[in-house]
């Protein structure tokens, strides 16, 4: 059985994060954590900063919202 973890990551992954997730695990169960970096975004952010801009927000569009948009467009 796979369950989602509620909430959004707000900041960098820390050493405390696995311990916090482990607290919610049922005994004799396991979890998988996937961490990735959108390296392509660094180029865009760098270009904005070199042009005198400032990155003020970074948002992730939930997969369900994207899927619904595709369905609505079909």
Protein backbone atom coordinates (compact mmCIF):
# COMPACT_ATOMS: atom_id res chain seq x y z
CA UNK A 1 0.00 0.00 0.00
CA UNK A 2 1.33 3.47 -0.91
CA UNK A 3 0.25 6.65 0.84
CA UNK A 4 0.98 10.27 0.07
CA UNK A 5 2.55 12.51 2.66
CA UNK A 6 0.41 15.57 3.21
CA UNK A 7 1.96 19.02 2.73
CA UNK A 8 4.55 20.74 0.64
CA UNK A 9 8.28 20.92 1.07
CA UNK A 10 9.20 24.47 1.99
CA UNK A 11 12.96 24.71 1.87
CA UNK A 12 15.90 22.40 1.52
CA UNK A 13 15.90 18.76 2.51
CA UNK A 14 17.54 18.35 5.92
CA UNK A 15 18.86 15.49 8.05
CA UNK A 16 15.77 15.82 10.26
CA UNK A 17 13.31 15.14 7.40
CA UNK A 18 13.74 11.32 7.27
CA UNK A 19 13.27 11.16 11.05
CA UNK A 20 10.06 13.20 10.84
CA UNK A 21 8.71 10.93 8.11
CA UNK A 22 9.74 7.81 10.06
CA UNK A 23 7.67 8.96 13.05
CA UNK A 24 4.50 8.47 11.00
CA UNK A 25 5.38 4.99 9.71
CA UNK A 26 3.50 1.97 10.98
CA UNK A 27 5.83 -0.58 12.61
CA UNK A 28 7.31 -3.10 10.14
CA UNK A 29 6.53 -0.85 7.18
CA UNK A 30 8.80 1.07 4.85
CA UNK A 31 8.86 4.29 2.87
CA UNK A 32 10.61 5.59 -0.21
CA UNK A 33 11.66 9.21 -0.60
CA UNK A 34 12.41 10.77 -3.96
CA UNK A 35 14.45 13.96 -4.08
CA UNK A 36 15.41 15.68 -7.31
CA UNK A 37 16.73 18.98 -8.53
CA UNK A 38 15.28 20.79 -11.49
CA UNK A 39 18.73 21.77 -12.75
CA UNK A 40 17.28 23.47 -15.84
CA UNK A 41 15.70 26.10 -13.57
CA UNK A 42 19.13 27.35 -12.47
CA UNK A 43 19.74 28.81 -15.94
CA UNK A 44 16.48 30.74 -15.92
CA UNK A 45 17.04 31.99 -12.38
CA UNK A 46 20.59 33.08 -13.25
CA UNK A 47 19.39 34.98 -16.32
CA UNK A 48 16.73 36.78 -14.29
CA UNK A 49 19.29 37.79 -11.64
CA UNK A 50 21.85 38.94 -14.22
CA UNK A 51 19.14 41.15 -15.73
CA UNK A 52 18.60 42.77 -12.33
CA UNK A 53 15.54 40.72 -11.42
CA UNK A 54 14.78 38.84 -8.24
CA UNK A 55 13.14 35.46 -7.81
CA UNK A 56 10.36 36.07 -5.28
CA UNK A 57 8.43 32.79 -5.45
CA UNK A 58 8.77 29.25 -6.67
CA UNK A 59 5.67 27.13 -6.98
CA UNK A 60 5.02 23.55 -7.99
CA UNK A 61 1.85 22.73 -9.91
CA UNK A 62 0.36 19.54 -8.45
CA UNK A 63 0.16 16.62 -10.89
CA UNK A 64 -3.61 16.33 -10.42
CA UNK A 65 -4.07 19.92 -11.59
CA UNK A 66 -1.96 19.30 -14.70
CA UNK A 67 -3.85 16.09 -15.47
CA UNK A 68 -7.20 17.86 -15.09
CA UNK A 69 -6.04 20.62 -17.44
CA UNK A 70 -5.07 18.03 -20.06
CA UNK A 71 -8.43 16.30 -19.66
CA UNK A 72 -10.32 19.60 -19.97
CA UNK A 73 -8.35 20.52 -23.11
CA UNK A 74 -9.12 17.19 -24.82
